[in-house]
Amino acid sequence: FFNGVRHPSIGKFDEQGKFHLLHKFTYEQFKEKL
């Protein structure tokens, strides 16, 4: 989840609840995908 929206392609949470990105991208690239 990101800002309350589910984005499985961005990353995942481990068992401790820590978020891991599956792909590295800049914030600008992320905004383009919104």
N, C-alpha and C. Protein backbone atom coordinates (compact mmCIF):
# COMPACT_ATOMS: atom_id res chain seq x y z
N PHE A 1 0.84 -1.19 0.00
CA PHE A 1 0.00 0.00 0.00
C PHE A 1 0.88 1.24 0.00
N PHE A 2 0.45 2.25 -0.72
CA PHE A 2 1.17 3.52 -0.74
C PHE A 2 0.12 4.61 -0.72
N ASN A 3 0.14 5.44 0.34
CA ASN A 3 -0.88 6.47 0.51
C ASN A 3 -2.28 5.87 0.47
N GLY A 4 -2.41 4.66 1.03
CA GLY A 4 -3.72 4.02 1.09
C GLY A 4 -4.13 3.30 -0.18
N VAL A 5 -3.25 3.29 -1.17
CA VAL A 5 -3.57 2.62 -2.43
C VAL A 5 -2.62 1.45 -2.62
N ARG A 6 -3.15 0.35 -3.09
CA ARG A 6 -2.31 -0.83 -3.25
C ARG A 6 -1.54 -0.76 -4.56
N HIS A 7 -0.22 -0.90 -4.47
CA HIS A 7 0.65 -0.89 -5.65
C HIS A 7 1.59 -2.08 -5.56
N PRO A 8 1.14 -3.28 -5.93
CA PRO A 8 2.00 -4.45 -5.77
C PRO A 8 3.25 -4.39 -6.62
N SER A 9 3.25 -3.58 -7.68
CA SER A 9 4.43 -3.54 -8.55
C SER A 9 5.54 -2.69 -7.96
N ILE A 10 5.22 -1.86 -6.96
CA ILE A 10 6.24 -0.96 -6.40
C ILE A 10 7.10 -1.69 -5.38
N GLY A 11 6.50 -2.50 -4.54
CA GLY A 11 7.29 -3.16 -3.51
C GLY A 11 6.42 -4.05 -2.66
N LYS A 12 6.98 -4.48 -1.54
CA LYS A 12 6.25 -5.38 -0.65
C LYS A 12 6.71 -5.16 0.78
N PHE A 13 5.90 -5.62 1.73
CA PHE A 13 6.26 -5.55 3.14
C PHE A 13 6.77 -6.91 3.59
N ASP A 14 7.83 -6.90 4.39
CA ASP A 14 8.30 -8.17 4.95
C ASP A 14 7.53 -8.47 6.23
N GLU A 15 7.91 -9.55 6.91
CA GLU A 15 7.17 -9.98 8.09
C GLU A 15 7.27 -8.98 9.24
N GLN A 16 8.30 -8.13 9.24
CA GLN A 16 8.42 -7.11 10.28
C GLN A 16 7.67 -5.84 9.91
N GLY A 17 7.04 -5.82 8.73
CA GLY A 17 6.31 -4.64 8.31
C GLY A 17 7.19 -3.60 7.66
N LYS A 18 8.43 -3.98 7.31
CA LYS A 18 9.32 -3.04 6.64
C LYS A 18 9.10 -3.11 5.14
N PHE A 19 9.03 -1.95 4.51
CA PHE A 19 8.72 -1.91 3.09
C PHE A 19 9.99 -2.05 2.27
N HIS A 20 9.92 -2.86 1.22
CA HIS A 20 11.05 -3.07 0.32
C HIS A 20 10.62 -2.74 -1.10
N LEU A 21 11.39 -1.88 -1.76
CA LEU A 21 11.10 -1.57 -3.15
C LEU A 21 11.57 -2.71 -4.03
N LEU A 22 10.74 -3.08 -5.00
CA LEU A 22 11.15 -4.11 -5.94
C LEU A 22 11.96 -3.51 -7.08
N HIS A 23 11.74 -2.23 -7.36
CA HIS A 23 12.48 -1.56 -8.43
C HIS A 23 12.93 -0.21 -7.90
N LYS A 24 14.11 0.22 -8.31
CA LYS A 24 14.58 1.55 -7.91
C LYS A 24 14.09 2.57 -8.92
N PHE A 25 13.55 3.64 -8.43
CA PHE A 25 13.08 4.69 -9.32
C PHE A 25 13.14 6.00 -8.55
N THR A 26 13.19 7.10 -9.30
CA THR A 26 13.23 8.40 -8.66
C THR A 26 11.82 8.86 -8.35
N TYR A 27 11.70 9.86 -7.49
CA TYR A 27 10.39 10.39 -7.15
C TYR A 27 9.72 10.99 -8.39
N GLU A 28 10.51 11.59 -9.27
CA GLU A 28 9.94 12.16 -10.49
C GLU A 28 9.34 11.08 -11.36
N GLN A 29 10.02 9.94 -11.48
CA GLN A 29 9.48 8.84 -12.26
C GLN A 29 8.21 8.31 -11.63
N PHE A 30 8.16 8.29 -10.29
CA PHE A 30 6.96 7.81 -9.61
C PHE A 30 5.78 8.73 -9.89
N LYS A 31 6.02 10.05 -9.85
CA LYS A 31 4.93 10.99 -10.09
C LYS A 31 4.36 10.81 -11.49
N GLU A 32 5.22 10.47 -12.46
CA GLU A 32 4.74 10.27 -13.83
C GLU A 32 3.78 9.09 -13.91
N LYS A 33 3.93 8.12 -13.00
CA LYS A 33 3.08 6.94 -13.03
C LYS A 33 1.74 7.16 -12.33
N LEU A 34 1.60 8.25 -11.62
CA LEU A 34 0.34 8.50 -10.91
C LEU A 34 -0.76 8.92 -11.88
